[in-house]
Amino acid sequence: MKMIIAVVQDKDGTKLADALVKNEFRATKLASTGGFLKAGNTTFMIGVSDDQVERVMDIIKENCKSRNQLVAPVSPMGGNADAYVPYPVEVAVGGATVFVLPIETFQQF
């Protein structure tokens, strides 16, 4: 048995949740915040048998796409803020960060 932890951008969260339900996978959905962009994410915890991991990974890939987004950089700490000109920077966001962990024991009460 495996635990799949997938961190996805909020924009992809509902689409992924719907796809998991459609394919009869149960998931626990948690609200989370990214450290780099400080933007909302959705974290899914999905427990599956070993032979289902590849199918869940395919569902995640199909529903969580990377996209470019303009973000304003944060002003430097301790520097002279008057001389700092914040130009927006284009960064790639979205997609998914996925961890697959072995599960030693599973119990449901």
PDB file of N, CA and C in Angstrom:
ATOM      1  N   MET A   1       0.841  -1.178   0.000  1.00  0.00           N
ATOM      2  CA  MET A   1       0.000   0.000   0.000  1.00  0.00           C
ATOM      3  C   MET A   1       0.886   1.241   0.000  1.00  0.00           C
ATOM      4  N   LYS A   2       0.387   2.295  -0.655  1.00  0.00           N
ATOM      5  CA  LYS A   2       1.131   3.554  -0.763  1.00  0.00           C
ATOM      6  C   LYS A   2       0.248   4.728  -0.370  1.00  0.00           C
ATOM      7  N   MET A   3       0.881   5.788   0.125  1.00  0.00           N
ATOM      8  CA  MET A   3       0.223   7.065   0.368  1.00  0.00           C
ATOM      9  C   MET A   3       0.784   8.046  -0.654  1.00  0.00           C
ATOM     10  N   ILE A   4      -0.095   8.582  -1.483  1.00  0.00           N
ATOM     11  CA  ILE A   4       0.296   9.593  -2.459  1.00  0.00           C
ATOM     12  C   ILE A   4      -0.092  10.947  -1.888  1.00  0.00           C
ATOM     13  N   ILE A   5       0.892  11.824  -1.758  1.00  0.00           N
ATOM     14  CA  ILE A   5       0.641  13.196  -1.314  1.00  0.00           C
ATOM     15  C   ILE A   5       0.932  14.096  -2.504  1.00  0.00           C
ATOM     16  N   ALA A   6      -0.101  14.790  -2.982  1.00  0.00           N
ATOM     17  CA  ALA A   6       0.030  15.651  -4.161  1.00  0.00           C
ATOM     18  C   ALA A   6      -0.320  17.079  -3.781  1.00  0.00           C
ATOM     19  N   VAL A   7       0.624  17.985  -3.998  1.00  0.00           N
ATOM     20  CA  VAL A   7       0.407  19.414  -3.750  1.00  0.00           C
ATOM     21  C   VAL A   7       0.172  20.066  -5.107  1.00  0.00           C
ATOM     22  N   VAL A   8      -1.021  20.651  -5.287  1.00  0.00           N
ATOM     23  CA  VAL A   8      -1.402  21.241  -6.572  1.00  0.00           C
ATOM     24  C   VAL A   8      -1.882  22.668  -6.359  1.00  0.00           C
ATOM     25  N   GLN A   9      -1.832  23.453  -7.415  1.00  0.00           N
ATOM     26  CA  GLN A   9      -2.314  24.828  -7.343  1.00  0.00           C
ATOM     27  C   GLN A   9      -3.833  24.805  -7.167  1.00  0.00           C
ATOM     28  N   ASP A  10      -4.365  25.771  -6.413  1.00  0.00           N
ATOM     29  CA  ASP A  10      -5.803  25.824  -6.159  1.00  0.00           C
ATOM     30  C   ASP A  10      -6.634  25.748  -7.448  1.00  0.00           C
ATOM     31  N   LYS A  11      -6.131  26.368  -8.518  1.00  0.00           N
ATOM     32  CA  LYS A  11      -6.871  26.369  -9.788  1.00  0.00           C
ATOM     33  C   LYS A  11      -7.112  24.957 -10.311  1.00  0.00           C
ATOM     34  N   ASP A  12      -6.234  24.021  -9.966  1.00  0.00           N
ATOM     35  CA  ASP A  12      -6.355  22.642 -10.436  1.00  0.00           C
ATOM     36  C   ASP A  12      -7.029  21.725  -9.411  1.00  0.00           C
ATOM     37  N   GLY A  13      -7.234  22.208  -8.205  1.00  0.00           N
ATOM     38  CA  GLY A  13      -7.735  21.366  -7.118  1.00  0.00           C
ATOM     39  C   GLY A  13      -9.103  20.758  -7.365  1.00  0.00           C
ATOM     40  N   THR A  14     -10.062  21.561  -7.795  1.00  0.00           N
ATOM     41  CA  THR A  14     -11.414  21.049  -8.024  1.00  0.00           C
ATOM     42  C   THR A  14     -11.446  20.057  -9.174  1.00  0.00           C
ATOM     43  N   LYS A  15     -10.729  20.381 -10.239  1.00  0.00           N
ATOM     44  CA  LYS A  15     -10.678  19.485 -11.399  1.00  0.00           C
ATOM     45  C   LYS A  15     -10.084  18.128 -11.016  1.00  0.00           C
ATOM     46  N   LEU A  16      -9.005  18.155 -10.224  1.00  0.00           N
ATOM     47  CA  LEU A  16      -8.384  16.903  -9.787  1.00  0.00           C
ATOM     48  C   LEU A  16      -9.315  16.130  -8.862  1.00  0.00           C
ATOM     49  N   ALA A  17      -9.963  16.814  -7.924  1.00  0.00           N
ATOM     50  CA  ALA A  17     -10.890  16.141  -7.006  1.00  0.00           C
ATOM     51  C   ALA A  17     -12.005  15.446  -7.784  1.00  0.00           C
ATOM     52  N   ASP A  18     -12.560  16.128  -8.773  1.00  0.00           N
ATOM     53  CA  ASP A  18     -13.623  15.533  -9.590  1.00  0.00           C
ATOM     54  C   ASP A  18     -13.124  14.306 -10.350  1.00  0.00           C
ATOM     55  N   ALA A  19     -11.921  14.386 -10.900  1.00  0.00           N
ATOM     56  CA  ALA A  19     -11.352  13.262 -11.658  1.00  0.00           C
ATOM     57  C   ALA A  19     -11.085  12.060 -10.747  1.00  0.00           C
ATOM     58  N   LEU A  20     -10.622  12.311  -9.533  1.00  0.00           N
ATOM     59  CA  LEU A  20     -10.376  11.210  -8.598  1.00  0.00           C
ATOM     60  C   LEU A  20     -11.688  10.507  -8.238  1.00  0.00           C
ATOM     61  N   VAL A  21     -12.729  11.294  -7.950  1.00  0.00           N
ATOM     62  CA  VAL A  21     -14.028  10.708  -7.620  1.00  0.00           C
ATOM     63  C   VAL A  21     -14.580   9.920  -8.803  1.00  0.00           C
ATOM     64  N   LYS A  22     -14.469  10.478 -10.006  1.00  0.00           N
ATOM     65  CA  LYS A  22     -14.953   9.815 -11.215  1.00  0.00           C
ATOM     66  C   LYS A  22     -14.282   8.445 -11.401  1.00  0.00           C
ATOM     67  N   ASN A  23     -13.014   8.358 -11.025  1.00  0.00           N
ATOM     68  CA  ASN A  23     -12.255   7.116 -11.161  1.00  0.00           C
ATOM     69  C   ASN A  23     -12.278   6.272  -9.882  1.00  0.00           C
ATOM     70  N   GLU A  24     -13.165   6.632  -8.964  1.00  0.00           N
ATOM     71  CA  GLU A  24     -13.410   5.884  -7.727  1.00  0.00           C
ATOM     72  C   GLU A  24     -12.215   5.808  -6.781  1.00  0.00           C
ATOM     73  N   PHE A  25     -11.447   6.887  -6.710  1.00  0.00           N
ATOM     74  CA  PHE A  25     -10.369   6.994  -5.732  1.00  0.00           C
ATOM     75  C   PHE A  25     -10.814   7.942  -4.628  1.00  0.00           C
ATOM     76  N   ARG A  26     -10.600   7.539  -3.399  1.00  0.00           N
ATOM     77  CA  ARG A  26     -10.897   8.400  -2.255  1.00  0.00           C
ATOM     78  C   ARG A  26      -9.674   9.249  -1.950  1.00  0.00           C
ATOM     79  N   ALA A  27      -9.924  10.484  -1.528  1.00  0.00           N
ATOM     80  CA  ALA A  27      -8.809  11.376  -1.191  1.00  0.00           C
ATOM     81  C   ALA A  27      -9.219  12.307  -0.060  1.00  0.00           C
ATOM     82  N   THR A  28      -8.259  12.678   0.742  1.00  0.00           N
ATOM     83  CA  THR A  28      -8.460  13.723   1.729  1.00  0.00           C
ATOM     84  C   THR A  28      -7.831  14.986   1.166  1.00  0.00           C
ATOM     85  N   LYS A  29      -8.602  16.067   1.163  1.00  0.00           N
ATOM     86  CA  LYS A  29      -8.181  17.324   0.551  1.00  0.00           C
ATOM     87  C   LYS A  29      -7.915  18.343   1.657  1.00  0.00           C
ATOM     88  N   LEU A  30      -6.720  18.931   1.633  1.00  0.00           N
ATOM     89  CA  LEU A  30      -6.320  19.904   2.648  1.00  0.00           C
ATOM     90  C   LEU A  30      -5.956  21.236   1.997  1.00  0.00           C
ATOM     91  N   ALA A  31      -6.319  22.333   2.631  1.00  0.00           N
ATOM     92  CA  ALA A  31      -5.883  23.646   2.161  1.00  0.00           C
ATOM     93  C   ALA A  31      -4.448  23.857   2.643  1.00  0.00           C
ATOM     94  N   SER A  32      -3.585  24.363   1.766  1.00  0.00           N
ATOM     95  CA  SER A  32      -2.192  24.612   2.122  1.00  0.00           C
ATOM     96  C   SER A  32      -1.717  25.889   1.432  1.00  0.00           C
ATOM     97  N   THR A  33      -0.571  26.370   1.853  1.00  0.00           N
ATOM     98  CA  THR A  33      -0.011  27.589   1.279  1.00  0.00           C
ATOM     99  C   THR A  33       1.425  27.333   0.879  1.00  0.00           C
ATOM    100  N   GLY A  34       1.782  27.746  -0.338  1.00  0.00           N
ATOM    101  CA  GLY A  34       3.147  27.574  -0.817  1.00  0.00           C
ATOM    102  C   GLY A  34       4.092  28.583  -0.175  1.00  0.00           C
ATOM    103  N   GLY A  35       5.331  28.193  -0.019  1.00  0.00           N
ATOM    104  CA  GLY A  35       6.319  29.069   0.601  1.00  0.00           C
ATOM    105  C   GLY A  35       6.912  30.090  -0.345  1.00  0.00           C
ATOM    106  N   PHE A  36       7.008  29.766  -1.642  1.00  0.00           N
ATOM    107  CA  PHE A  36       7.657  30.668  -2.595  1.00  0.00           C
ATOM    108  C   PHE A  36       6.734  31.807  -3.006  1.00  0.00           C
ATOM    109  N   LEU A  37       5.559  31.492  -3.533  1.00  0.00           N
ATOM    110  CA  LEU A  37       4.623  32.525  -3.982  1.00  0.00           C
ATOM    111  C   LEU A  37       3.645  32.934  -2.892  1.00  0.00           C
ATOM    112  N   LYS A  38       3.644  32.211  -1.791  1.00  0.00           N
ATOM    113  CA  LYS A  38       2.722  32.454  -0.687  1.00  0.00           C
ATOM    114  C   LYS A  38       1.275  32.460  -1.177  1.00  0.00           C
ATOM    115  N   ALA A  39       0.993  31.585  -2.127  1.00  0.00           N
ATOM    116  CA  ALA A  39      -0.338  31.470  -2.716  1.00  0.00           C
ATOM    117  C   ALA A  39      -0.982  30.165  -2.267  1.00  0.00           C
ATOM    118  N   GLY A  40      -2.299  30.106  -2.402  1.00  0.00           N
ATOM    119  CA  GLY A  40      -3.043  28.939  -1.985  1.00  0.00           C
ATOM    120  C   GLY A  40      -2.751  27.715  -2.828  1.00  0.00           C
ATOM    121  N   ASN A  41      -2.629  26.602  -2.168  1.00  0.00           N
ATOM    122  CA  ASN A  41      -2.465  25.301  -2.801  1.00  0.00           C
ATOM    123  C   ASN A  41      -3.522  24.366  -2.234  1.00  0.00           C
ATOM    124  N   THR A  42      -3.680  23.239  -2.861  1.00  0.00           N
ATOM    125  CA  THR A  42      -4.506  22.170  -2.312  1.00  0.00           C
ATOM    126  C   THR A  42      -3.623  20.936  -2.232  1.00  0.00           C
ATOM    127  N   THR A  43      -3.629  20.292  -1.071  1.00  0.00           N
ATOM    128  CA  THR A  43      -2.848  19.085  -0.869  1.00  0.00           C
ATOM    129  C   THR A  43      -3.804  17.903  -0.762  1.00  0.00           C
ATOM    130  N   PHE A  44      -3.563  16.885  -1.579  1.00  0.00           N
ATOM    131  CA  PHE A  44      -4.375  15.674  -1.569  1.00  0.00           C
ATOM    132  C   PHE A  44      -3.579  14.545  -0.933  1.00  0.00           C
ATOM    133  N   MET A  45      -4.226  13.782  -0.061  1.00  0.00           N
ATOM    134  CA  MET A  45      -3.651  12.557   0.495  1.00  0.00           C
ATOM    135  C   MET A  45      -4.513  11.415  -0.029  1.00  0.00           C
ATOM    136  N   ILE A  46      -3.885  10.498  -0.765  1.00  0.00           N
ATOM    137  CA  ILE A  46      -4.609   9.434  -1.441  1.00  0.00           C
ATOM    138  C   ILE A  46      -3.956   8.099  -1.086  1.00  0.00           C
ATOM    139  N   GLY A  47      -4.683   7.242  -0.403  1.00  0.00           N
ATOM    140  CA  GLY A  47      -4.178   5.913  -0.073  1.00  0.00           C
ATOM    141  C   GLY A  47      -4.616   4.917  -1.134  1.00  0.00           C
ATOM    142  N   VAL A  48      -3.649   4.209  -1.729  1.00  0.00           N
ATOM    143  CA  VAL A  48      -3.964   3.249  -2.796  1.00  0.00           C
ATOM    144  C   VAL A  48      -3.099   1.998  -2.659  1.00  0.00           C
ATOM    145  N   SER A  49      -3.540   0.926  -3.308  1.00  0.00           N
ATOM    146  CA  SER A  49      -2.707  -0.277  -3.377  1.00  0.00           C
ATOM    147  C   SER A  49      -1.563  -0.014  -4.361  1.00  0.00           C
ATOM    148  N   ASP A  50      -0.532  -0.800  -4.266  1.00  0.00           N
ATOM    149  CA  ASP A  50       0.664  -0.597  -5.092  1.00  0.00           C
ATOM    150  C   ASP A  50       0.351  -0.571  -6.586  1.00  0.00           C
ATOM    151  N   ASP A  51      -0.583  -1.416  -7.022  1.00  0.00           N
ATOM    152  CA  ASP A  51      -0.883  -1.488  -8.448  1.00  0.00           C
ATOM    153  C   ASP A  51      -1.725  -0.318  -8.960  1.00  0.00           C
ATOM    154  N   GLN A  52      -2.234   0.534  -8.072  1.00  0.00           N
ATOM    155  CA  GLN A  52      -3.035   1.690  -8.477  1.00  0.00           C
ATOM    156  C   GLN A  52      -2.235   2.987  -8.560  1.00  0.00           C
ATOM    157  N   VAL A  53      -0.991   2.971  -8.112  1.00  0.00           N
ATOM    158  CA  VAL A  53      -0.182   4.191  -8.063  1.00  0.00           C
ATOM    159  C   VAL A  53      -0.043   4.823  -9.447  1.00  0.00           C
ATOM    160  N   GLU A  54       0.271   4.029 -10.442  1.00  0.00           N
ATOM    161  CA  GLU A  54       0.483   4.567 -11.790  1.00  0.00           C
ATOM    162  C   GLU A  54      -0.780   5.238 -12.330  1.00  0.00           C
ATOM    163  N   ARG A  55      -1.946   4.633 -12.079  1.00  0.00           N
ATOM    164  CA  ARG A  55      -3.204   5.226 -12.566  1.00  0.00           C
ATOM    165  C   ARG A  55      -3.466   6.577 -11.895  1.00  0.00           C
ATOM    166  N   VAL A  56      -3.239   6.666 -10.581  1.00  0.00           N
ATOM    167  CA  VAL A  56      -3.435   7.936  -9.876  1.00  0.00           C
ATOM    168  C   VAL A  56      -2.454   8.987 -10.390  1.00  0.00           C
ATOM    169  N   MET A  57      -1.218   8.584 -10.630  1.00  0.00           N
ATOM    170  CA  MET A  57      -0.227   9.528 -11.168  1.00  0.00           C
ATOM    171  C   MET A  57      -0.674  10.050 -12.533  1.00  0.00           C
ATOM    172  N   ASP A  58      -1.243   9.181 -13.371  1.00  0.00           N
ATOM    173  CA  ASP A  58      -1.751   9.612 -14.676  1.00  0.00           C
ATOM    174  C   ASP A  58      -2.892  10.616 -14.518  1.00  0.00           C
ATOM    175  N   ILE A  59      -3.783  10.376 -13.570  1.00  0.00           N
ATOM    176  CA  ILE A  59      -4.894  11.305 -13.322  1.00  0.00           C
ATOM    177  C   ILE A  59      -4.370  12.657 -12.883  1.00  0.00           C
ATOM    178  N   ILE A  60      -3.365  12.660 -12.020  1.00  0.00           N
ATOM    179  CA  ILE A  60      -2.772  13.925 -11.563  1.00  0.00           C
ATOM    180  C   ILE A  60      -2.147  14.665 -12.746  1.00  0.00           C
ATOM    181  N   LYS A  61      -1.378  13.961 -13.577  1.00  0.00           N
ATOM    182  CA  LYS A  61      -0.734  14.584 -14.743  1.00  0.00           C
ATOM    183  C   LYS A  61      -1.759  15.161 -15.712  1.00  0.00           C
ATOM    184  N   GLU A  62      -2.877  14.473 -15.906  1.00  0.00           N
ATOM    185  CA  GLU A  62      -3.917  14.925 -16.834  1.00  0.00           C
ATOM    186  C   GLU A  62      -4.639  16.176 -16.353  1.00  0.00           C
ATOM    187  N   ASN A  63      -4.686  16.389 -15.045  1.00  0.00           N
ATOM    188  CA  ASN A  63      -5.525  17.453 -14.493  1.00  0.00           C
ATOM    189  C   ASN A  63      -4.767  18.615 -13.861  1.00  0.00           C
ATOM    190  N   CYS A  64      -3.468  18.516 -13.744  1.00  0.00           N
ATOM    191  CA  CYS A  64      -2.678  19.577 -13.100  1.00  0.00           C
ATOM    192  C   CYS A  64      -1.606  20.051 -14.068  1.00  0.00           C
ATOM    193  N   LYS A  65      -1.852  21.162 -14.710  1.00  0.00           N
ATOM    194  CA  LYS A  65      -0.961  21.672 -15.744  1.00  0.00           C
ATOM    195  C   LYS A  65      -0.147  22.865 -15.238  1.00  0.00           C
ATOM    196  N   SER A  66       1.075  22.956 -15.713  1.00  0.00           N
ATOM    197  CA  SER A  66       1.939  24.095 -15.402  1.00  0.00           C
ATOM    198  C   SER A  66       1.550  25.269 -16.287  1.00  0.00           C
ATOM    199  N   ARG A  67       1.652  26.471 -15.757  1.00  0.00           N
ATOM    200  CA  ARG A  67       1.350  27.695 -16.503  1.00  0.00           C
ATOM    201  C   ARG A  67       2.271  28.809 -16.024  1.00  0.00           C
ATOM    202  N   ASN A  68       2.428  29.840 -16.818  1.00  0.00           N
ATOM    203  CA  ASN A  68       3.263  30.981 -16.425  1.00  0.00           C
ATOM    204  C   ASN A  68       2.392  32.054 -15.783  1.00  0.00           C
ATOM    205  N   GLN A  69       2.982  32.738 -14.791  1.00  0.00           N
ATOM    206  CA  GLN A  69       2.259  33.773 -14.062  1.00  0.00           C
ATOM    207  C   GLN A  69       3.222  34.894 -13.708  1.00  0.00           C
ATOM    208  N   LEU A  70       2.758  36.135 -13.805  1.00  0.00           N
ATOM    209  CA  LEU A  70       3.565  37.279 -13.394  1.00  0.00           C
ATOM    210  C   LEU A  70       3.394  37.504 -11.900  1.00  0.00           C
ATOM    211  N   VAL A  71       4.504  37.647 -11.194  1.00  0.00           N
ATOM    212  CA  VAL A  71       4.462  37.923  -9.758  1.00  0.00           C
ATOM    213  C   VAL A  71       5.376  39.093  -9.451  1.00  0.00           C
ATOM    214  N   ALA A  72       4.966  39.904  -8.485  1.00  0.00           N
ATOM    215  CA  ALA A  72       5.789  41.027  -8.043  1.00  0.00           C
ATOM    216  C   ALA A  72       6.742  40.531  -6.967  1.00  0.00           C
ATOM    217  N   PRO A  73       8.031  40.770  -7.122  1.00  0.00           N
ATOM    218  CA  PRO A  73       8.981  40.311  -6.113  1.00  0.00           C
ATOM    219  C   PRO A  73       8.808  41.066  -4.801  1.00  0.00           C
ATOM    220  N   VAL A  74       9.133  40.417  -3.706  1.00  0.00           N
ATOM    221  CA  VAL A  74       9.067  41.028  -2.390  1.00  0.00           C
ATOM    222  C   VAL A  74      10.275  41.931  -2.210  1.00  0.00           C
ATOM    223  N   SER A  75      10.084  43.089  -1.547  1.00  0.00           N
ATOM    224  CA  SER A  75      11.203  44.012  -1.349  1.00  0.00           C
ATOM    225  C   SER A  75      12.274  43.356  -0.489  1.00  0.00           C
ATOM    226  N   PRO A  76      13.540  43.687  -0.729  1.00  0.00           N
ATOM    227  CA  PRO A  76      14.637  43.062   0.014  1.00  0.00           C
ATOM    228  C   PRO A  76      14.604  43.456   1.489  1.00  0.00           C
ATOM    229  N   MET A  77      14.927  42.509   2.339  1.00  0.00           N
ATOM    230  CA  MET A  77      14.956  42.758   3.779  1.00  0.00           C
ATOM    231  C   MET A  77      16.197  43.571   4.136  1.00  0.00           C
ATOM    232  N   GLY A  78      16.021  44.595   4.927  1.00  0.00           N
ATOM    233  CA  GLY A  78      17.136  45.369   5.440  1.00  0.00           C
ATOM    234  C   GLY A  78      17.774  46.308   4.438  1.00  0.00           C
ATOM    235  N   GLY A  79      17.327  46.286   3.192  1.00  0.00           N
ATOM    236  CA  GLY A  79      17.913  47.169   2.182  1.00  0.00           C
ATOM    237  C   GLY A  79      17.176  48.487   2.118  1.00  0.00           C
ATOM    238  N   ASN A  80      17.626  49.354   1.246  1.00  0.00           N
ATOM    239  CA  ASN A  80      16.988  50.642   1.059  1.00  0.00           C
ATOM    240  C   ASN A  80      15.787  50.450   0.127  1.00  0.00           C
ATOM    241  N   ALA A  81      14.587  50.528   0.674  1.00  0.00           N
ATOM    242  CA  ALA A  81      13.378  50.291  -0.101  1.00  0.00           C
ATOM    243  C   ALA A  81      13.123  51.400  -1.121  1.00  0.00           C
ATOM    244  N   ASP A  82      13.703  52.603  -0.910  1.00  0.00           N
ATOM    245  CA  ASP A  82      13.500  53.708  -1.848  1.00  0.00           C
ATOM    246  C   ASP A  82      14.149  53.416  -3.200  1.00  0.00           C
ATOM    247  N   ALA A  83      15.257  52.704  -3.206  1.00  0.00           N
ATOM    248  CA  ALA A  83      15.973  52.416  -4.442  1.00  0.00           C
ATOM    249  C   ALA A  83      15.479  51.133  -5.115  1.00  0.00           C
ATOM    250  N   TYR A  84      14.589  50.424  -4.469  1.00  0.00           N
ATOM    251  CA  TYR A  84      14.104  49.147  -4.983  1.00  0.00           C
ATOM    252  C   TYR A  84      12.932  49.378  -5.935  1.00  0.00           C
ATOM    253  N   VAL A  85      13.038  48.895  -7.158  1.00  0.00           N
ATOM    254  CA  VAL A  85      11.963  49.014  -8.142  1.00  0.00           C
ATOM    255  C   VAL A  85      11.432  47.612  -8.420  1.00  0.00           C
ATOM    256  N   PRO A  86      10.220  47.316  -7.947  1.00  0.00           N
ATOM    257  CA  PRO A  86       9.699  45.957  -8.112  1.00  0.00           C
ATOM    258  C   PRO A  86       9.120  45.707  -9.505  1.00  0.00           C
ATOM    259  N   TYR A  87       9.883  45.044 -10.353  1.00  0.00           N
ATOM    260  CA  TYR A  87       9.388  44.667 -11.672  1.00  0.00           C
ATOM    261  C   TYR A  87       8.785  43.271 -11.574  1.00  0.00           C
ATOM    262  N   PRO A  88       7.616  43.065 -12.159  1.00  0.00           N
ATOM    263  CA  PRO A  88       7.037  41.724 -12.137  1.00  0.00           C
ATOM    264  C   PRO A  88       7.953  40.726 -12.849  1.00  0.00           C
ATOM    265  N   VAL A  89       7.969  39.518 -12.321  1.00  0.00           N
ATOM    266  CA  VAL A  89       8.790  38.448 -12.860  1.00  0.00           C
ATOM    267  C   VAL A  89       7.856  37.312 -13.277  1.00  0.00           C
ATOM    268  N   GLU A  90       8.115  36.718 -14.439  1.00  0.00           N
ATOM    269  CA  GLU A  90       7.300  35.605 -14.893  1.00  0.00           C
ATOM    270  C   GLU A  90       7.890  34.302 -14.362  1.00  0.00           C
ATOM    271  N   VAL A  91       7.045  33.521 -13.675  1.00  0.00           N
ATOM    272  CA  VAL A  91       7.482  32.226 -13.137  1.00  0.00           C
ATOM    273  C   VAL A  91       6.492  31.145 -13.551  1.00  0.00           C
ATOM    274  N   ALA A  92       6.973  29.926 -13.607  1.00  0.00           N
ATOM    275  CA  ALA A  92       6.105  28.786 -13.901  1.00  0.00           C
ATOM    276  C   ALA A  92       5.420  28.356 -12.607  1.00  0.00           C
ATOM    277  N   VAL A  93       4.089  28.227 -12.642  1.00  0.00           N
ATOM    278  CA  VAL A  93       3.320  27.775 -11.484  1.00  0.00           C
ATOM    279  C   VAL A  93       2.422  26.625 -11.930  1.00  0.00           C
ATOM    280  N   GLY A  94       1.829  25.987 -10.979  1.00  0.00           N
ATOM    281  CA  GLY A  94       0.908  24.900 -11.296  1.00  0.00           C
ATOM    282  C   GLY A  94       1.629  23.582 -11.401  1.00  0.00           C
ATOM    283  N   GLY A  95       1.010  22.667 -12.107  1.00  0.00           N
ATOM    284  CA  GLY A  95       1.549  21.324 -12.134  1.00  0.00           C
ATOM    285  C   GLY A  95       1.275  20.672 -10.791  1.00  0.00           C
ATOM    286  N   ALA A  96       2.096  19.763 -10.403  1.00  0.00           N
ATOM    287  CA  ALA A  96       1.907  19.085  -9.118  1.00  0.00           C
ATOM    288  C   ALA A  96       3.259  18.656  -8.569  1.00  0.00           C
ATOM    289  N   THR A  97       3.368  18.695  -7.262  1.00  0.00           N
ATOM    290  CA  THR A  97       4.504  18.108  -6.564  1.00  0.00           C
ATOM    291  C   THR A  97       3.950  16.885  -5.845  1.00  0.00           C
ATOM    292  N   VAL A  98       4.490  15.713  -6.174  1.00  0.00           N
ATOM    293  CA  VAL A  98       3.895  14.463  -5.692  1.00  0.00           C
ATOM    294  C   VAL A  98       4.929  13.634  -4.932  1.00  0.00           C
ATOM    295  N   PHE A  99       4.509  13.127  -3.784  1.00  0.00           N
ATOM    296  CA  PHE A  99       5.324  12.221  -2.977  1.00  0.00           C
ATOM    297  C   PHE A  99       4.579  10.892  -2.883  1.00  0.00           C
ATOM    298  N   VAL A 100       5.288   9.791  -3.047  1.00  0.00           N
ATOM    299  CA  VAL A 100       4.693   8.468  -2.890  1.00  0.00           C
ATOM    300  C   VAL A 100       5.433   7.793  -1.741  1.00  0.00           C
ATOM    301  N   LEU A 101       4.680   7.473  -0.676  1.00  0.00           N
ATOM    302  CA  LEU A 101       5.277   6.917   0.538  1.00  0.00           C
ATOM    303  C   LEU A 101       4.751   5.509   0.800  1.00  0.00           C
ATOM    304  N   PRO A 102       5.617   4.630   1.304  1.00  0.00           N
ATOM    305  CA  PRO A 102       5.137   3.292   1.665  1.00  0.00           C
ATOM    306  C   PRO A 102       4.308   3.361   2.955  1.00  0.00           C
ATOM    307  N   ILE A 103       3.254   2.557   3.016  1.00  0.00           N
ATOM    308  CA  ILE A 103       2.402   2.500   4.206  1.00  0.00           C
ATOM    309  C   ILE A 103       2.589   1.142   4.857  1.00  0.00           C
ATOM    310  N   GLU A 104       2.976   1.155   6.108  1.00  0.00           N
ATOM    311  CA  GLU A 104       3.203  -0.093   6.824  1.00  0.00           C
ATOM    312  C   GLU A 104       1.891  -0.702   7.304  1.00  0.00           C
ATOM    313  N   THR A 105       0.996   0.138   7.812  1.00  0.00           N
ATOM    314  CA  THR A 105      -0.277  -0.339   8.359  1.00  0.00           C
ATOM    315  C   THR A 105      -1.386   0.596   7.967  1.00  0.00           C
ATOM    316  N   PHE A 106      -2.552   0.034   7.646  1.00  0.00           N
ATOM    317  CA  PHE A 106      -3.744   0.830   7.360  1.00  0.00           C
ATOM    318  C   PHE A 106      -4.901   0.244   8.147  1.00  0.00           C
ATOM    319  N   GLN A 107      -5.583   1.088   8.896  1.00  0.00           N
ATOM    320  CA  GLN A 107      -6.758   0.650   9.663  1.00  0.00           C
ATOM    321  C   GLN A 107      -7.844   1.696   9.498  1.00  0.00           C
ATOM    322  N   GLN A 108      -9.066   1.238   9.363  1.00  0.00           N
ATOM    323  CA  GLN A 108     -10.191   2.158   9.253  1.00  0.00           C
ATOM    324  C   GLN A 108     -11.219   1.742  10.295  1.00  0.00           C
ATOM    325  N   PHE A 109     -11.636   2.671  11.140  1.00  0.00           N
ATOM    326  CA  PHE A 109     -12.590   2.353  12.229  1.00  0.00           C
ATOM    327  C   PHE A 109     -13.921   2.996  11.965  1.00  0.00           C
TER     328      PHE A 109
END
